[in-house]
Protein backbone atom coordinates (compact mmCIF):
# COMPACT_ATOMS: atom_id res chain seq x y z
CA UNK A 1 19.91 44.17 -30.96
CA UNK A 2 18.69 40.69 -31.59
CA UNK A 3 19.69 38.13 -29.00
CA UNK A 4 22.28 35.64 -30.30
CA UNK A 5 20.77 32.30 -31.26
CA UNK A 6 21.47 29.50 -28.83
CA UNK A 7 23.51 26.61 -30.14
CA UNK A 8 21.44 23.46 -30.69
CA UNK A 9 24.28 21.50 -29.12
CA UNK A 10 24.08 23.61 -25.97
CA UNK A 11 20.31 23.14 -25.81
CA UNK A 12 20.67 19.37 -26.20
CA UNK A 13 23.42 19.26 -23.59
CA UNK A 14 21.29 21.24 -21.14
CA UNK A 15 18.35 18.87 -21.72
CA UNK A 16 20.58 15.85 -21.05
CA UNK A 17 21.83 17.38 -17.81
CA UNK A 18 18.28 18.12 -16.65
CA UNK A 19 17.12 14.60 -17.55
CA UNK A 20 20.05 13.07 -15.71
CA UNK A 21 19.33 15.19 -12.63
CA UNK A 22 15.66 14.16 -12.68
CA UNK A 23 16.59 10.50 -13.05
CA UNK A 24 18.98 10.76 -10.10
CA UNK A 25 16.26 12.25 -7.90
CA UNK A 26 13.86 9.44 -8.76
CA UNK A 27 16.15 6.42 -9.02
CA UNK A 28 19.33 7.34 -7.16
CA UNK A 29 22.68 5.83 -8.04
CA UNK A 30 22.83 2.79 -10.30
CA UNK A 31 19.22 3.11 -11.41
CA UNK A 32 17.82 2.02 -8.02
CA UNK A 33 14.93 3.94 -6.42
CA UNK A 34 15.86 6.95 -4.32
CA UNK A 35 14.72 7.90 -0.83
CA UNK A 36 11.79 9.95 -2.17
CA UNK A 37 10.81 7.68 -5.08
CA UNK A 38 7.30 6.20 -5.43
CA UNK A 39 8.84 2.72 -5.13
CA UNK A 40 10.48 3.47 -1.77
CA UNK A 41 7.36 5.17 -0.43
CA UNK A 42 5.16 2.32 -1.59
CA UNK A 43 7.44 -0.31 -0.03
CA UNK A 44 7.60 1.49 3.33
CA UNK A 45 3.91 2.36 3.53
CA UNK A 46 2.67 -1.00 2.31
CA UNK A 47 4.94 -2.76 4.82
CA UNK A 48 3.26 -0.77 7.59
CA UNK A 49 -0.18 -1.37 6.08
CA UNK A 50 0.43 -5.13 5.84
CA UNK A 51 1.73 -5.26 9.42
CA UNK A 52 -1.62 -4.03 10.73
CA UNK A 53 -3.54 -6.56 8.61
CA UNK A 54 -1.37 -9.35 10.05
CA UNK A 55 -1.91 -8.03 13.58
CA UNK A 56 -5.71 -7.93 13.15
CA UNK A 57 -5.68 -11.43 11.68
CA UNK A 58 -3.75 -12.80 14.67
CA UNK A 59 -6.25 -11.07 16.97
CA UNK A 60 -9.26 -12.80 15.40
CA UNK A 61 -7.47 -16.12 14.97
CA UNK A 62 -6.64 -16.27 18.67
CA UNK A 63 -10.35 -15.93 19.51
CA UNK A 64 -11.12 -19.35 18.02
CA UNK A 65 -13.48 -18.09 15.28
CA UNK A 66 -15.60 -20.11 12.85
CA UNK A 67 -13.53 -22.15 10.35
CA UNK A 68 -14.20 -19.79 7.42
CA UNK A 69 -12.90 -16.80 9.41
CA UNK A 70 -9.97 -18.80 10.77
CA UNK A 71 -8.94 -19.89 7.28
CA UNK A 72 -9.18 -16.32 5.99
CA UNK A 73 -7.08 -15.02 8.86
CA UNK A 74 -4.46 -17.72 8.21
CA UNK A 75 -4.28 -16.78 4.53
CA UNK A 76 -3.92 -13.07 5.29
CA UNK A 77 -1.19 -13.71 7.86
CA UNK A 78 0.85 -15.84 5.46
CA UNK A 79 0.34 -13.78 2.31
CA UNK A 80 0.88 -10.34 3.82
CA UNK A 81 3.75 -11.36 6.10
CA UNK A 82 5.57 -12.78 3.05
CA UNK A 83 4.87 -9.68 0.97
CA UNK A 84 5.98 -7.44 3.82
CA UNK A 85 9.27 -9.32 3.88
CA UNK A 86 9.70 -8.57 0.18
CA UNK A 87 9.05 -4.84 0.70
CA UNK A 88 11.66 -4.65 3.43
CA UNK A 89 14.04 -6.71 1.32
CA UNK A 90 13.69 -4.26 -1.55
CA UNK A 91 14.58 -1.36 0.73
CA UNK A 92 17.67 -3.21 1.90
CA UNK A 93 18.60 -4.07 -1.69
CA UNK A 94 18.19 -0.43 -2.69
CA UNK A 95 20.36 0.63 0.27
CA UNK A 96 17.48 2.60 1.78
CA UNK A 97 16.30 2.76 5.38
CA UNK A 98 13.08 1.14 6.50
CA UNK A 99 12.15 4.23 8.52
CA UNK A 100 12.03 7.77 7.16
CA UNK A 101 11.12 11.29 8.22
CA UNK A 102 8.82 11.55 5.20
CA UNK A 103 5.12 11.51 6.02
CA UNK A 104 3.17 8.39 4.95
CA UNK A 105 1.67 8.53 1.45
CA UNK A 106 3.86 11.47 0.39
CA UNK A 107 4.79 9.43 -2.69
CA UNK A 108 1.14 9.17 -3.79
CA UNK A 109 -0.28 12.52 -2.66
CA UNK A 110 -2.36 13.98 -5.46
CA UNK A 111 -2.33 10.74 -7.46
CA UNK A 112 -5.47 8.98 -6.24
CA UNK A 113 -7.43 6.81 -8.67
CA UNK A 114 -11.09 6.89 -9.61
CA UNK A 115 -11.31 10.51 -8.53
CA UNK A 116 -9.96 9.78 -5.04
CA UNK A 117 -7.18 12.14 -3.92
CA UNK A 118 -4.80 10.80 -1.29
CA UNK A 119 -3.43 13.20 1.32
CA UNK A 120 0.12 12.99 2.64
CA UNK A 121 0.13 11.58 6.15
CA UNK A 122 -3.13 9.65 5.75
CA UNK A 123 -2.74 5.94 4.94
CA UNK A 124 -6.08 4.70 3.50
CA UNK A 125 -7.97 1.90 5.19
CA UNK A 126 -5.98 1.74 8.41
CA UNK A 127 -7.89 0.91 11.58
CA UNK A 128 -7.68 3.39 14.45
CA UNK A 129 -6.30 2.53 17.87
CA UNK A 130 -9.85 2.60 19.22
CA UNK A 131 -11.05 0.16 16.57
CA UNK A 132 -8.17 -2.22 17.28
CA UNK A 133 -8.95 -2.09 20.99
CA UNK A 134 -12.62 -2.82 20.28
CA UNK A 135 -11.70 -5.80 18.08
CA UNK A 136 -9.64 -7.25 20.94
CA UNK A 137 -12.55 -6.87 23.36
CA UNK A 138 -15.30 -8.39 21.21
CA UNK A 139 -16.09 -12.10 21.20
CA UNK A 140 -17.95 -14.59 19.01
CA UNK A 141 -20.01 -13.42 16.07
CA UNK A 142 -19.58 -9.76 16.99
CA UNK A 143 -15.80 -10.11 16.75
CA UNK A 144 -16.06 -11.91 13.41
CA UNK A 145 -18.33 -9.22 11.93
CA UNK A 146 -16.15 -6.35 13.14
CA UNK A 147 -13.00 -8.08 11.88
CA UNK A 148 -14.54 -8.51 8.43
CA UNK A 149 -15.70 -4.90 8.35
CA UNK A 150 -12.29 -3.57 9.35
CA UNK A 151 -10.44 -5.88 6.97
CA UNK A 152 -12.65 -5.03 3.97
CA UNK A 153 -11.91 -1.34 4.50
CA UNK A 154 -8.24 -2.18 5.09
CA UNK A 155 -8.08 -4.13 1.81
CA UNK A 156 -9.78 -1.25 0.00
CA UNK A 157 -6.97 0.97 1.22
CA UNK A 158 -4.38 -1.55 0.04
CA UNK A 159 -6.01 -1.72 -3.38
CA UNK A 160 -6.04 2.07 -3.57
CA UNK A 161 -2.33 2.25 -2.73
CA UNK A 162 -1.38 -0.50 -5.18
CA UNK A 163 -3.39 1.03 -8.01
CA UNK A 164 -1.79 4.37 -7.24
CA UNK A 165 1.70 2.90 -7.62
CA UNK A 166 1.12 1.35 -11.05
CA UNK A 167 1.28 4.53 -13.17
CA UNK A 168 4.10 6.00 -11.06
CA UNK A 169 6.68 3.21 -11.35
CA UNK A 170 8.72 1.75 -14.16
CA UNK A 171 10.16 -1.14 -12.16
CA UNK A 172 8.57 -4.42 -13.20
CA UNK A 173 9.06 -6.24 -9.88
CA UNK A 174 7.28 -3.44 -7.99
CA UNK A 175 4.47 -3.12 -10.52
CA UNK A 176 4.01 -6.90 -10.56
CA UNK A 177 3.65 -6.98 -6.78
CA UNK A 178 1.23 -4.05 -6.86
CA UNK A 179 -0.95 -5.83 -9.41
CA UNK A 180 -0.91 -9.01 -7.28
CA UNK A 181 -2.14 -6.96 -4.35
CA UNK A 182 -4.92 -5.43 -6.46
CA UNK A 183 -6.05 -8.82 -7.74
CA UNK A 184 -5.66 -10.74 -4.48
CA UNK A 185 -7.24 -8.21 -2.17
CA UNK A 186 -10.09 -7.46 -4.58
CA UNK A 187 -10.93 -11.16 -4.51
CA UNK A 188 -10.75 -11.25 -0.71
CA UNK A 189 -13.00 -8.18 -0.46
CA UNK A 190 -15.68 -10.12 -2.35
CA UNK A 191 -15.16 -13.16 -0.14
CA UNK A 192 -15.38 -11.11 3.06
CA UNK A 193 -18.49 -9.30 1.83
CA UNK A 194 -20.14 -12.70 1.31
CA UNK A 195 -19.04 -13.82 4.78
CA UNK A 196 -20.63 -10.70 6.23
CA UNK A 197 -23.90 -11.36 4.39
CA UNK A 198 -24.00 -14.87 5.85
CA UNK A 199 -23.80 -13.22 9.26
CA UNK A 200 -26.54 -10.70 8.49
CA UNK A 201 -24.16 -7.74 8.34
CA UNK A 202 -22.87 -5.22 5.82
CA UNK A 203 -19.44 -3.65 5.16
CA UNK A 204 -18.51 -0.22 6.41
CA UNK A 205 -18.93 2.60 3.86
CA UNK A 206 -16.50 1.98 1.00
CA UNK A 207 -13.46 4.23 0.66
CA UNK A 208 -13.01 3.34 -3.03
């Protein structure tokens, strides 16, 4: 016997239910991002990423570096501390926790740009504990060079994360911030590369 034809109305209704369920998983109640959404993951991970950049900038600033390095550190501290406040504010606005059991970069795993694939648990560009300890120990020109090398790689990671968010989100305020990070940190990468050249040094191998 032939199977009875399914009612178009039932098919449409089933599609609506599935779409609504998918939207709930991504955006939660009221259209706000959910716990596992790209927006929430981006906000949490970028807040952590920015915190390390601010910490490294305070480390070099407190060493009394050359004026060009001191000004750069001041700009990074102010810009990234303010942006970090916005990320945490979004999480509060969305009624989401700042901490989560989800591994870092889970939201972007498999969505790297320019052929780069990001793995869950690995936040790109972050300095290791050993590198941070070395930065604190160095003095003078050596400290300035190592700071620039670490921060260039750190900015490359931030650019990678921000570019990864753009195709995954439909929220304009999040996409606008991501694009600001791409533009601002790309410009600072060029500036820091020039500062390294003036000191006879080169960046670490690029992660982009």
